[in-house]
Amino acid sequence: MAHVSLPNDAKAGPTKPEVRAVLQRKLDLDSTDHFAEVGSCTGAVTIEAARRAGRVTALERKPARLEVTRENLAANETTAEVELRAAEAPDGLPADADALFLGGSRNYEAVLDRAVETGVDRVVMNVSRLEVAGAATEAFRERGLLDDVVQFQVSRGYELAGATSFDSDNPVYMLVGGVDGDGNAVAADGGRRGRGGGDR
């Protein structure tokens, strides 16, 4: 995985490298994809997506954070056409996105409604709070989007009294799913499921 340079701080985030690695695997972006991100913040996810997707549209409602995204994006090599939008989702979301990442929980139900309406085939949402994770899981399920919920935690080693101890980050809940052209939920591996959740 290529290094992501983040010389500018948004005082929130960034999404940890290990979490981004799992996220990129779930999104499975390639050069034909239009990737949309809600809440670009430091731009860490934007940058990695812009190394894989053909087009990237990143939304950020806070102008200062959008500027941090812009500056950090300029500090990295990317190949995609990138558009940064100062907007609060679902406003500003492109109608032709193939993959969508929600980095925060603000307005997530309206964003999921738009994803269903426009037929986004890969939707991933990261959540760090348990109560929001539960509510968001139900929101995914109610819309026929839910394929998978992954919970993981990263711990980093540090020296303590001449040995190695570990400091743990907060757990992350990752909700994964999407819709296909027929309005059916799509499995993360590209398989198809009916909206009710059964395999076909």
N, C-alpha and C. Protein backbone atom coordinates (compact mmCIF):
# COMPACT_ATOMS: atom_id res chain seq x y z
N MET A 1 0.85 -1.17 0.00
CA MET A 1 0.00 0.00 0.00
C MET A 1 0.89 1.24 0.00
N ALA A 2 0.68 2.14 -0.98
CA ALA A 2 1.48 3.35 -1.09
C ALA A 2 1.21 4.26 0.10
N HIS A 3 2.24 4.95 0.52
CA HIS A 3 2.14 5.87 1.66
C HIS A 3 1.22 7.04 1.31
N VAL A 4 0.40 7.45 2.26
CA VAL A 4 -0.44 8.64 2.12
C VAL A 4 0.17 9.74 2.98
N SER A 5 0.53 10.84 2.34
CA SER A 5 1.10 11.97 3.05
C SER A 5 -0.01 12.92 3.48
N LEU A 6 -0.06 13.23 4.78
CA LEU A 6 -1.09 14.13 5.32
C LEU A 6 -0.41 15.27 6.09
N PRO A 7 0.21 16.21 5.38
CA PRO A 7 0.93 17.28 6.06
C PRO A 7 0.02 18.27 6.78
N ASN A 8 -1.27 18.28 6.44
CA ASN A 8 -2.19 19.22 7.05
C ASN A 8 -3.22 18.49 7.90
N ASP A 9 -3.53 19.06 9.04
CA ASP A 9 -4.40 18.44 10.04
C ASP A 9 -5.78 19.08 9.99
N ALA A 10 -6.82 18.24 10.06
CA ALA A 10 -8.20 18.74 10.07
C ALA A 10 -8.80 18.72 11.47
N LYS A 11 -8.01 18.36 12.47
CA LYS A 11 -8.46 18.25 13.86
C LYS A 11 -9.59 17.24 14.01
N ALA A 12 -9.62 16.29 13.12
CA ALA A 12 -10.54 15.15 13.17
C ALA A 12 -9.99 14.11 12.22
N GLY A 13 -10.08 12.83 12.61
CA GLY A 13 -9.51 11.81 11.75
C GLY A 13 -7.99 11.87 11.85
N PRO A 14 -7.24 11.38 10.87
CA PRO A 14 -7.76 10.71 9.67
C PRO A 14 -8.16 9.27 9.96
N THR A 15 -8.85 8.67 9.00
CA THR A 15 -9.14 7.25 9.08
C THR A 15 -7.80 6.52 9.13
N LYS A 16 -7.64 5.64 10.11
CA LYS A 16 -6.36 4.95 10.33
C LYS A 16 -5.98 4.11 9.10
N PRO A 17 -4.67 3.97 8.83
CA PRO A 17 -4.22 3.22 7.65
C PRO A 17 -4.78 1.80 7.60
N GLU A 18 -4.83 1.12 8.74
CA GLU A 18 -5.34 -0.26 8.75
C GLU A 18 -6.82 -0.31 8.38
N VAL A 19 -7.57 0.69 8.84
CA VAL A 19 -9.00 0.77 8.51
C VAL A 19 -9.15 1.08 7.03
N ARG A 20 -8.31 1.98 6.52
CA ARG A 20 -8.37 2.30 5.09
C ARG A 20 -8.06 1.08 4.23
N ALA A 21 -7.16 0.22 4.69
CA ALA A 21 -6.82 -0.98 3.93
C ALA A 21 -8.04 -1.90 3.80
N VAL A 22 -8.77 -2.09 4.89
CA VAL A 22 -9.98 -2.91 4.84
C VAL A 22 -11.03 -2.23 3.97
N LEU A 23 -11.17 -0.92 4.14
CA LEU A 23 -12.13 -0.16 3.36
C LEU A 23 -11.88 -0.30 1.87
N GLN A 24 -10.62 -0.16 1.44
CA GLN A 24 -10.31 -0.27 0.02
C GLN A 24 -10.61 -1.66 -0.52
N ARG A 25 -10.39 -2.67 0.33
CA ARG A 25 -10.72 -4.05 -0.10
C ARG A 25 -12.22 -4.21 -0.31
N LYS A 26 -13.00 -3.63 0.60
CA LYS A 26 -14.46 -3.73 0.49
C LYS A 26 -14.99 -2.93 -0.70
N LEU A 27 -14.39 -1.77 -0.97
CA LEU A 27 -14.84 -0.95 -2.09
C LEU A 27 -14.42 -1.54 -3.43
N ASP A 28 -13.25 -2.20 -3.47
CA ASP A 28 -12.76 -2.86 -4.68
C ASP A 28 -12.81 -1.94 -5.90
N LEU A 29 -12.23 -0.76 -5.76
CA LEU A 29 -12.28 0.24 -6.82
C LEU A 29 -11.34 -0.10 -7.97
N ASP A 30 -11.76 0.28 -9.18
CA ASP A 30 -10.86 0.20 -10.33
C ASP A 30 -11.03 1.45 -11.19
N SER A 31 -10.31 1.52 -12.27
CA SER A 31 -10.23 2.74 -13.07
C SER A 31 -11.53 3.10 -13.78
N THR A 32 -12.52 2.21 -13.77
CA THR A 32 -13.81 2.52 -14.39
C THR A 32 -14.80 3.10 -13.39
N ASP A 33 -14.44 3.12 -12.11
CA ASP A 33 -15.38 3.53 -11.06
C ASP A 33 -15.41 5.03 -10.79
N HIS A 34 -16.61 5.50 -10.44
CA HIS A 34 -16.79 6.84 -9.91
C HIS A 34 -17.05 6.65 -8.41
N PHE A 35 -16.13 7.11 -7.59
CA PHE A 35 -16.21 6.96 -6.14
C PHE A 35 -16.68 8.27 -5.53
N ALA A 36 -17.64 8.18 -4.60
CA ALA A 36 -18.12 9.36 -3.88
C ALA A 36 -17.87 9.17 -2.40
N GLU A 37 -17.43 10.25 -1.76
CA GLU A 37 -17.15 10.20 -0.33
C GLU A 37 -17.92 11.29 0.39
N VAL A 38 -18.52 10.93 1.51
CA VAL A 38 -19.21 11.90 2.36
C VAL A 38 -18.35 12.16 3.58
N GLY A 39 -17.87 13.39 3.71
CA GLY A 39 -17.04 13.76 4.86
C GLY A 39 -15.57 13.50 4.60
N SER A 40 -14.96 14.26 3.68
CA SER A 40 -13.58 13.97 3.28
C SER A 40 -12.55 14.31 4.36
N CYS A 41 -12.81 15.30 5.19
CA CYS A 41 -11.97 15.65 6.34
C CYS A 41 -10.50 15.84 5.92
N THR A 42 -9.60 14.97 6.35
CA THR A 42 -8.18 15.12 6.01
C THR A 42 -7.87 14.73 4.56
N GLY A 43 -8.78 13.99 3.93
CA GLY A 43 -8.55 13.55 2.56
C GLY A 43 -7.85 12.20 2.45
N ALA A 44 -7.63 11.52 3.56
CA ALA A 44 -6.91 10.24 3.52
C ALA A 44 -7.61 9.22 2.63
N VAL A 45 -8.93 9.08 2.79
CA VAL A 45 -9.69 8.13 1.97
C VAL A 45 -9.78 8.64 0.54
N THR A 46 -9.97 9.94 0.38
CA THR A 46 -10.02 10.55 -0.96
C THR A 46 -8.76 10.22 -1.75
N ILE A 47 -7.61 10.38 -1.10
CA ILE A 47 -6.32 10.14 -1.77
C ILE A 47 -6.20 8.69 -2.21
N GLU A 48 -6.50 7.77 -1.31
CA GLU A 48 -6.37 6.35 -1.69
C GLU A 48 -7.35 5.98 -2.79
N ALA A 49 -8.57 6.51 -2.72
CA ALA A 49 -9.55 6.23 -3.78
C ALA A 49 -9.08 6.81 -5.11
N ALA A 50 -8.45 7.99 -5.06
CA ALA A 50 -7.98 8.64 -6.29
C ALA A 50 -6.79 7.94 -6.92
N ARG A 51 -6.23 6.96 -6.24
CA ARG A 51 -5.16 6.14 -6.82
C ARG A 51 -5.73 4.89 -7.48
N ARG A 52 -7.02 4.65 -7.32
CA ARG A 52 -7.63 3.43 -7.84
C ARG A 52 -8.80 3.71 -8.79
N ALA A 53 -9.67 4.63 -8.41
CA ALA A 53 -10.87 4.92 -9.20
C ALA A 53 -10.54 5.82 -10.39
N GLY A 54 -11.46 5.89 -11.34
CA GLY A 54 -11.29 6.80 -12.47
C GLY A 54 -11.70 8.22 -12.12
N ARG A 55 -12.75 8.33 -11.31
CA ARG A 55 -13.24 9.64 -10.87
C ARG A 55 -13.55 9.59 -9.39
N VAL A 56 -13.37 10.71 -8.72
CA VAL A 56 -13.66 10.83 -7.29
C VAL A 56 -14.41 12.13 -7.05
N THR A 57 -15.51 12.04 -6.33
CA THR A 57 -16.23 13.23 -5.87
C THR A 57 -16.25 13.17 -4.35
N ALA A 58 -15.60 14.15 -3.72
CA ALA A 58 -15.52 14.16 -2.26
C ALA A 58 -16.29 15.35 -1.71
N LEU A 59 -17.20 15.07 -0.78
CA LEU A 59 -18.00 16.11 -0.15
C LEU A 59 -17.50 16.39 1.25
N GLU A 60 -17.50 17.65 1.61
CA GLU A 60 -17.17 18.06 2.98
C GLU A 60 -17.96 19.32 3.29
N ARG A 61 -18.71 19.29 4.39
CA ARG A 61 -19.58 20.42 4.72
C ARG A 61 -18.83 21.57 5.38
N LYS A 62 -17.66 21.31 5.96
CA LYS A 62 -16.90 22.36 6.63
C LYS A 62 -15.81 22.89 5.70
N PRO A 63 -15.88 24.18 5.33
CA PRO A 63 -14.91 24.74 4.37
C PRO A 63 -13.45 24.54 4.79
N ALA A 64 -13.15 24.69 6.08
CA ALA A 64 -11.76 24.53 6.53
C ALA A 64 -11.27 23.11 6.30
N ARG A 65 -12.12 22.14 6.55
CA ARG A 65 -11.74 20.74 6.31
C ARG A 65 -11.61 20.46 4.82
N LEU A 66 -12.46 21.06 4.02
CA LEU A 66 -12.36 20.86 2.57
C LEU A 66 -11.02 21.39 2.07
N GLU A 67 -10.58 22.50 2.63
CA GLU A 67 -9.28 23.06 2.24
C GLU A 67 -8.14 22.13 2.66
N VAL A 68 -8.28 21.48 3.83
CA VAL A 68 -7.28 20.49 4.26
C VAL A 68 -7.26 19.32 3.27
N THR A 69 -8.44 18.86 2.86
CA THR A 69 -8.51 17.80 1.85
C THR A 69 -7.75 18.22 0.59
N ARG A 70 -8.03 19.44 0.15
CA ARG A 70 -7.40 19.95 -1.09
C ARG A 70 -5.87 19.99 -0.95
N GLU A 71 -5.38 20.50 0.18
CA GLU A 71 -3.94 20.61 0.40
C GLU A 71 -3.27 19.24 0.51
N ASN A 72 -3.91 18.33 1.23
CA ASN A 72 -3.33 16.99 1.36
C ASN A 72 -3.37 16.23 0.05
N LEU A 73 -4.43 16.42 -0.72
CA LEU A 73 -4.52 15.79 -2.04
C LEU A 73 -3.38 16.27 -2.93
N ALA A 74 -3.07 17.56 -2.86
CA ALA A 74 -1.98 18.12 -3.68
C ALA A 74 -0.61 17.58 -3.28
N ALA A 75 -0.49 17.07 -2.06
CA ALA A 75 0.79 16.54 -1.56
C ALA A 75 1.00 15.08 -1.94
N ASN A 76 0.08 14.49 -2.68
CA ASN A 76 0.15 13.07 -3.03
C ASN A 76 -0.05 12.87 -4.53
N GLU A 77 0.54 11.80 -5.04
CA GLU A 77 0.34 11.45 -6.44
C GLU A 77 -0.94 10.63 -6.57
N THR A 78 -1.82 11.06 -7.46
CA THR A 78 -3.06 10.34 -7.73
C THR A 78 -3.29 10.31 -9.24
N THR A 79 -4.19 9.45 -9.68
CA THR A 79 -4.44 9.33 -11.11
C THR A 79 -5.86 9.71 -11.51
N ALA A 80 -6.79 9.77 -10.56
CA ALA A 80 -8.19 10.01 -10.87
C ALA A 80 -8.48 11.49 -11.09
N GLU A 81 -9.56 11.74 -11.78
CA GLU A 81 -10.14 13.08 -11.86
C GLU A 81 -10.87 13.29 -10.54
N VAL A 82 -10.49 14.32 -9.77
CA VAL A 82 -11.06 14.54 -8.44
C VAL A 82 -11.81 15.86 -8.39
N GLU A 83 -13.04 15.80 -7.89
CA GLU A 83 -13.82 17.01 -7.66
C GLU A 83 -14.14 17.10 -6.18
N LEU A 84 -13.79 18.23 -5.57
CA LEU A 84 -14.10 18.47 -4.16
C LEU A 84 -15.30 19.41 -4.11
N ARG A 85 -16.30 19.02 -3.32
CA ARG A 85 -17.52 19.82 -3.24
C ARG A 85 -17.78 20.25 -1.80
N ALA A 86 -18.03 21.55 -1.61
CA ALA A 86 -18.44 22.07 -0.31
C ALA A 86 -19.95 21.88 -0.23
N ALA A 87 -20.36 20.78 0.39
CA ALA A 87 -21.78 20.46 0.45
C ALA A 87 -22.05 19.53 1.62
N GLU A 88 -23.29 19.57 2.08
CA GLU A 88 -23.71 18.64 3.11
C GLU A 88 -24.58 17.58 2.46
N ALA A 89 -24.16 16.35 2.55
CA ALA A 89 -24.88 15.25 1.92
C ALA A 89 -26.27 15.11 2.55
N PRO A 90 -27.26 14.67 1.76
CA PRO A 90 -27.13 14.12 0.41
C PRO A 90 -26.98 15.15 -0.70
N ASP A 91 -27.17 16.45 -0.40
CA ASP A 91 -26.92 17.45 -1.44
C ASP A 91 -25.47 17.33 -1.92
N GLY A 92 -25.28 17.46 -3.20
CA GLY A 92 -23.93 17.40 -3.74
C GLY A 92 -23.48 16.01 -4.15
N LEU A 93 -24.23 14.98 -3.79
CA LEU A 93 -23.84 13.62 -4.20
C LEU A 93 -24.07 13.44 -5.70
N PRO A 94 -23.11 12.85 -6.41
CA PRO A 94 -23.30 12.62 -7.84
C PRO A 94 -24.35 11.53 -8.08
N ALA A 95 -25.04 11.65 -9.19
CA ALA A 95 -26.10 10.68 -9.52
C ALA A 95 -25.55 9.42 -10.15
N ASP A 96 -24.26 9.40 -10.49
CA ASP A 96 -23.70 8.26 -11.22
C ASP A 96 -22.56 7.56 -10.46
N ALA A 97 -22.57 7.67 -9.13
CA ALA A 97 -21.51 7.02 -8.35
C ALA A 97 -21.66 5.50 -8.38
N ASP A 98 -20.53 4.82 -8.50
CA ASP A 98 -20.51 3.36 -8.43
C ASP A 98 -20.26 2.88 -7.01
N ALA A 99 -19.52 3.68 -6.25
CA ALA A 99 -19.15 3.31 -4.88
C ALA A 99 -19.26 4.56 -4.00
N LEU A 100 -19.70 4.33 -2.76
CA LEU A 100 -19.94 5.44 -1.84
C LEU A 100 -19.40 5.08 -0.46
N PHE A 101 -18.68 6.03 0.13
CA PHE A 101 -18.19 5.86 1.49
C PHE A 101 -18.73 6.97 2.38
N LEU A 102 -19.31 6.58 3.50
CA LEU A 102 -19.77 7.52 4.52
C LEU A 102 -18.78 7.48 5.67
N GLY A 103 -18.02 8.54 5.82
CA GLY A 103 -17.02 8.59 6.88
C GLY A 103 -17.58 9.09 8.19
N GLY A 104 -18.82 9.55 8.19
CA GLY A 104 -19.47 10.03 9.40
C GLY A 104 -20.93 9.66 9.39
N SER A 105 -21.61 9.97 10.48
CA SER A 105 -23.00 9.52 10.61
C SER A 105 -24.02 10.63 10.40
N ARG A 106 -23.60 11.84 10.13
CA ARG A 106 -24.53 12.94 9.93
C ARG A 106 -25.39 12.70 8.69
N ASN A 107 -26.70 12.80 8.83
CA ASN A 107 -27.66 12.63 7.71
C ASN A 107 -27.53 11.29 7.00
N TYR A 108 -27.02 10.26 7.68
CA TYR A 108 -26.73 9.02 6.96
C TYR A 108 -27.97 8.36 6.37
N GLU A 109 -29.14 8.50 7.01
CA GLU A 109 -30.34 7.87 6.44
C GLU A 109 -30.71 8.50 5.11
N ALA A 110 -30.63 9.82 5.02
CA ALA A 110 -30.92 10.50 3.76
C ALA A 110 -29.88 10.13 2.70
N VAL A 111 -28.64 9.96 3.11
CA VAL A 111 -27.58 9.54 2.17
C VAL A 111 -27.86 8.13 1.66
N LEU A 112 -28.26 7.23 2.55
CA LEU A 112 -28.58 5.87 2.13
C LEU A 112 -29.79 5.86 1.20
N ASP A 113 -30.78 6.70 1.47
CA ASP A 113 -31.93 6.81 0.57
C ASP A 113 -31.48 7.22 -0.82
N ARG A 114 -30.56 8.18 -0.88
CA ARG A 114 -30.05 8.63 -2.18
C ARG A 114 -29.27 7.52 -2.87
N ALA A 115 -28.52 6.74 -2.09
CA ALA A 115 -27.76 5.63 -2.67
C ALA A 115 -28.69 4.62 -3.31
N VAL A 116 -29.80 4.32 -2.64
CA VAL A 116 -30.78 3.39 -3.21
C VAL A 116 -31.41 3.99 -4.46
N GLU A 117 -31.78 5.25 -4.37
CA GLU A 117 -32.43 5.94 -5.48
C GLU A 117 -31.56 5.98 -6.72
N THR A 118 -30.26 6.18 -6.54
CA THR A 118 -29.35 6.30 -7.69
C THR A 118 -28.65 4.98 -8.04
N GLY A 119 -28.89 3.92 -7.24
CA GLY A 119 -28.35 2.60 -7.57
C GLY A 119 -26.86 2.44 -7.35
N VAL A 120 -26.35 2.97 -6.24
CA VAL A 120 -24.91 2.82 -5.94
C VAL A 120 -24.64 1.36 -5.62
N ASP A 121 -23.72 0.73 -6.33
CA ASP A 121 -23.56 -0.72 -6.16
C ASP A 121 -22.64 -1.14 -5.02
N ARG A 122 -21.87 -0.19 -4.44
CA ARG A 122 -21.05 -0.48 -3.26
C ARG A 122 -21.18 0.67 -2.28
N VAL A 123 -21.66 0.37 -1.09
CA VAL A 123 -21.81 1.39 -0.05
C VAL A 123 -21.11 0.89 1.21
N VAL A 124 -20.23 1.72 1.76
CA VAL A 124 -19.53 1.37 2.99
C VAL A 124 -19.64 2.55 3.95
N MET A 125 -19.92 2.24 5.21
CA MET A 125 -20.01 3.27 6.24
C MET A 125 -19.20 2.84 7.44
N ASN A 126 -18.34 3.75 7.94
CA ASN A 126 -17.58 3.50 9.16
C ASN A 126 -18.25 4.20 10.32
N VAL A 127 -18.34 3.50 11.45
CA VAL A 127 -18.96 4.05 12.65
C VAL A 127 -18.09 3.68 13.84
N SER A 128 -17.94 4.61 14.77
CA SER A 128 -17.14 4.30 15.97
C SER A 128 -17.97 4.20 17.24
N ARG A 129 -19.23 4.67 17.20
CA ARG A 129 -20.07 4.63 18.39
C ARG A 129 -21.07 3.47 18.29
N LEU A 130 -21.17 2.70 19.34
CA LEU A 130 -21.98 1.49 19.35
C LEU A 130 -23.44 1.76 19.02
N GLU A 131 -24.02 2.79 19.64
CA GLU A 131 -25.44 3.08 19.42
C GLU A 131 -25.71 3.46 17.97
N VAL A 132 -24.82 4.25 17.40
CA VAL A 132 -24.97 4.64 16.00
C VAL A 132 -24.79 3.43 15.09
N ALA A 133 -23.86 2.55 15.44
CA ALA A 133 -23.64 1.34 14.65
C ALA A 133 -24.90 0.50 14.59
N GLY A 134 -25.58 0.35 15.73
CA GLY A 134 -26.82 -0.43 15.76
C GLY A 134 -27.90 0.19 14.91
N ALA A 135 -28.09 1.50 15.05
CA ALA A 135 -29.12 2.20 14.27
C ALA A 135 -28.79 2.18 12.78
N ALA A 136 -27.51 2.37 12.44
CA ALA A 136 -27.11 2.37 11.04
C ALA A 136 -27.26 0.99 10.41
N THR A 137 -26.98 -0.05 11.19
CA THR A 137 -27.17 -1.42 10.69
C THR A 137 -28.63 -1.63 10.32
N GLU A 138 -29.53 -1.17 11.17
CA GLU A 138 -30.96 -1.30 10.87
C GLU A 138 -31.34 -0.47 9.65
N ALA A 139 -30.76 0.71 9.52
CA ALA A 139 -31.04 1.56 8.36
C ALA A 139 -30.58 0.88 7.06
N PHE A 140 -29.40 0.28 7.06
CA PHE A 140 -28.93 -0.50 5.91
C PHE A 140 -29.89 -1.64 5.62
N ARG A 141 -30.26 -2.38 6.67
CA ARG A 141 -31.12 -3.55 6.52
C ARG A 141 -32.49 -3.15 5.96
N GLU A 142 -33.08 -2.10 6.50
CA GLU A 142 -34.41 -1.66 6.05
C GLU A 142 -34.42 -1.27 4.58
N ARG A 143 -33.31 -0.83 4.07
CA ARG A 143 -33.22 -0.41 2.67
C ARG A 143 -32.71 -1.52 1.75
N GLY A 144 -32.52 -2.70 2.31
CA GLY A 144 -32.03 -3.81 1.51
C GLY A 144 -30.58 -3.67 1.10
N LEU A 145 -29.83 -2.86 1.82
CA LEU A 145 -28.43 -2.60 1.46
C LEU A 145 -27.44 -3.50 2.17
N LEU A 146 -27.82 -4.05 3.31
CA LEU A 146 -26.84 -4.68 4.18
C LEU A 146 -26.35 -6.03 3.67
N ASP A 147 -25.04 -6.13 3.55
CA ASP A 147 -24.41 -7.41 3.22
C ASP A 147 -23.55 -7.92 4.36
N ASP A 148 -22.86 -7.00 5.04
CA ASP A 148 -21.88 -7.42 6.02
C ASP A 148 -21.67 -6.31 7.05
N VAL A 149 -21.41 -6.72 8.28
CA VAL A 149 -20.98 -5.79 9.33
C VAL A 149 -19.69 -6.36 9.89
N VAL A 150 -18.64 -5.54 9.88
CA VAL A 150 -17.34 -5.97 10.37
C VAL A 150 -16.97 -5.08 11.54
N GLN A 151 -16.53 -5.68 12.63
CA GLN A 151 -16.05 -4.91 13.78
C GLN A 151 -14.59 -5.27 13.99
N PHE A 152 -13.74 -4.28 14.06
CA PHE A 152 -12.33 -4.58 14.29
C PHE A 152 -11.67 -3.47 15.08
N GLN A 153 -10.56 -3.83 15.68
CA GLN A 153 -9.82 -2.89 16.51
C GLN A 153 -8.34 -3.05 16.21
N VAL A 154 -7.64 -1.94 16.15
CA VAL A 154 -6.22 -1.94 15.86
C VAL A 154 -5.46 -1.54 17.12
N SER A 155 -4.41 -2.26 17.42
CA SER A 155 -3.54 -1.91 18.55
C SER A 155 -2.13 -1.69 18.03
N ARG A 156 -1.47 -0.68 18.55
CA ARG A 156 -0.11 -0.36 18.11
C ARG A 156 0.86 -0.56 19.25
N GLY A 157 1.99 -1.14 18.91
CA GLY A 157 3.01 -1.40 19.91
C GLY A 157 3.80 -0.16 20.28
N TYR A 158 4.22 -0.09 21.52
CA TYR A 158 5.12 0.97 21.98
C TYR A 158 6.04 0.39 23.05
N GLU A 159 7.19 1.03 23.22
CA GLU A 159 8.15 0.52 24.19
C GLU A 159 7.72 0.88 25.61
N LEU A 160 7.78 -0.11 26.48
CA LEU A 160 7.45 0.09 27.88
C LEU A 160 8.42 -0.74 28.72
N ALA A 161 9.25 -0.07 29.48
CA ALA A 161 10.22 -0.73 30.37
C ALA A 161 11.08 -1.75 29.62
N GLY A 162 11.54 -1.38 28.43
CA GLY A 162 12.42 -2.24 27.66
C GLY A 162 11.72 -3.37 26.93
N ALA A 163 10.39 -3.37 26.93
CA ALA A 163 9.62 -4.40 26.24
C ALA A 163 8.54 -3.71 25.41
N THR A 164 7.71 -4.49 24.77
CA THR A 164 6.65 -3.93 23.92
C THR A 164 5.30 -4.13 24.57
N SER A 165 4.56 -3.03 24.68
CA SER A 165 3.17 -3.08 25.12
C SER A 165 2.32 -2.54 23.98
N PHE A 166 1.00 -2.53 24.15
CA PHE A 166 0.12 -2.10 23.07
C PHE A 166 -0.87 -1.05 23.54
N ASP A 167 -1.12 -0.10 22.64
CA ASP A 167 -2.11 0.93 22.87
C ASP A 167 -3.20 0.72 21.83
N SER A 168 -4.45 0.59 22.28
CA SER A 168 -5.55 0.25 21.38
C SER A 168 -6.33 1.48 20.91
N ASP A 169 -6.66 1.51 19.62
CA ASP A 169 -7.57 2.51 19.09
C ASP A 169 -9.00 2.08 19.40
N ASN A 170 -9.93 3.02 19.27
CA ASN A 170 -11.34 2.67 19.45
C ASN A 170 -11.75 1.66 18.38
N PRO A 171 -12.68 0.76 18.71
CA PRO A 171 -13.17 -0.17 17.69
C PRO A 171 -13.88 0.57 16.55
N VAL A 172 -13.86 -0.01 15.38
CA VAL A 172 -14.56 0.53 14.22
C VAL A 172 -15.56 -0.51 13.75
N TYR A 173 -16.77 -0.05 13.47
CA TYR A 173 -17.80 -0.89 12.88
C TYR A 173 -17.91 -0.47 11.42
N MET A 174 -17.77 -1.42 10.52
CA MET A 174 -17.83 -1.13 9.09
C MET A 174 -19.04 -1.85 8.52
N LEU A 175 -19.98 -1.06 7.97
CA LEU A 175 -21.18 -1.62 7.34
C LEU A 175 -20.95 -1.63 5.84
N VAL A 176 -21.26 -2.75 5.22
CA VAL A 176 -20.94 -2.96 3.81
C VAL A 176 -22.16 -3.48 3.07
N GLY A 177 -22.40 -2.96 1.89
CA GLY A 177 -23.50 -3.46 1.05
C GLY A 177 -23.58 -2.66 -0.22
N GLY A 178 -24.81 -2.55 -0.77
CA GLY A 178 -25.03 -1.80 -2.00
C GLY A 178 -26.22 -2.34 -2.75
N VAL A 179 -26.47 -1.76 -3.92
CA VAL A 179 -27.58 -2.20 -4.78
C VAL A 179 -27.05 -2.44 -6.18
N ASP A 180 -27.73 -3.33 -6.90
CA ASP A 180 -27.37 -3.51 -8.31
C ASP A 180 -28.38 -2.76 -9.18
N GLY A 181 -28.29 -2.90 -10.47
CA GLY A 181 -29.16 -2.18 -11.39
C GLY A 181 -30.63 -2.53 -11.25
N ASP A 182 -30.94 -3.68 -10.65
CA ASP A 182 -32.32 -4.09 -10.45
C ASP A 182 -32.84 -3.73 -9.07
N GLY A 183 -32.05 -3.01 -8.28
CA GLY A 183 -32.48 -2.63 -6.94
C GLY A 183 -32.30 -3.72 -5.92
N ASN A 184 -31.46 -4.71 -6.22
CA ASN A 184 -31.20 -5.80 -5.29
C ASN A 184 -29.93 -5.53 -4.50
N ALA A 185 -29.87 -6.02 -3.27
CA ALA A 185 -28.65 -5.88 -2.47
C ALA A 185 -27.53 -6.67 -3.14
N VAL A 186 -26.32 -6.16 -3.02
CA VAL A 186 -25.17 -6.78 -3.65
C VAL A 186 -24.18 -7.24 -2.60
N ALA A 187 -23.76 -8.49 -2.69
CA ALA A 187 -22.78 -9.00 -1.75
C ALA A 187 -21.43 -8.34 -1.98
N ALA A 188 -20.64 -8.25 -0.92
CA ALA A 188 -19.34 -7.58 -1.02
C ALA A 188 -18.42 -8.26 -2.01
N ASP A 189 -18.63 -9.55 -2.27
CA ASP A 189 -17.77 -10.25 -3.22
C ASP A 189 -18.30 -10.16 -4.65
N GLY A 190 -19.34 -9.32 -4.85
CA GLY A 190 -19.89 -9.12 -6.19
C GLY A 190 -21.07 -10.01 -6.49
N GLY A 191 -21.39 -10.96 -5.61
CA GLY A 191 -22.56 -11.80 -5.79
C GLY A 191 -23.83 -11.01 -5.56
N ARG A 192 -24.97 -11.60 -5.91
CA ARG A 192 -26.22 -10.88 -5.79
C ARG A 192 -27.12 -11.52 -4.75
N ARG A 193 -27.80 -10.67 -3.99
CA ARG A 193 -28.79 -11.16 -3.06
C ARG A 193 -30.09 -10.43 -3.32
N GLY A 194 -31.21 -11.07 -3.02
CA GLY A 194 -32.49 -10.40 -3.09
C GLY A 194 -32.58 -9.38 -1.98
N ARG A 195 -33.52 -8.42 -2.12
CA ARG A 195 -33.65 -7.35 -1.13
C ARG A 195 -33.98 -7.91 0.25
N GLY A 196 -34.58 -9.07 0.30
CA GLY A 196 -34.90 -9.67 1.59
C GLY A 196 -33.69 -10.29 2.28
N GLY A 197 -32.58 -10.43 1.57
CA GLY A 197 -31.34 -10.91 2.19
C GLY A 197 -30.97 -12.33 1.86
N GLY A 198 -31.85 -13.10 1.19
CA GLY A 198 -31.51 -14.48 0.88
C GLY A 198 -30.63 -14.59 -0.33
N ASP A 199 -29.75 -15.58 -0.38
CA ASP A 199 -28.90 -15.78 -1.56
C ASP A 199 -29.74 -16.25 -2.72
N ARG A 200 -29.30 -15.86 -3.92
CA ARG A 200 -29.96 -16.31 -5.14
C ARG A 200 -29.09 -17.34 -5.82
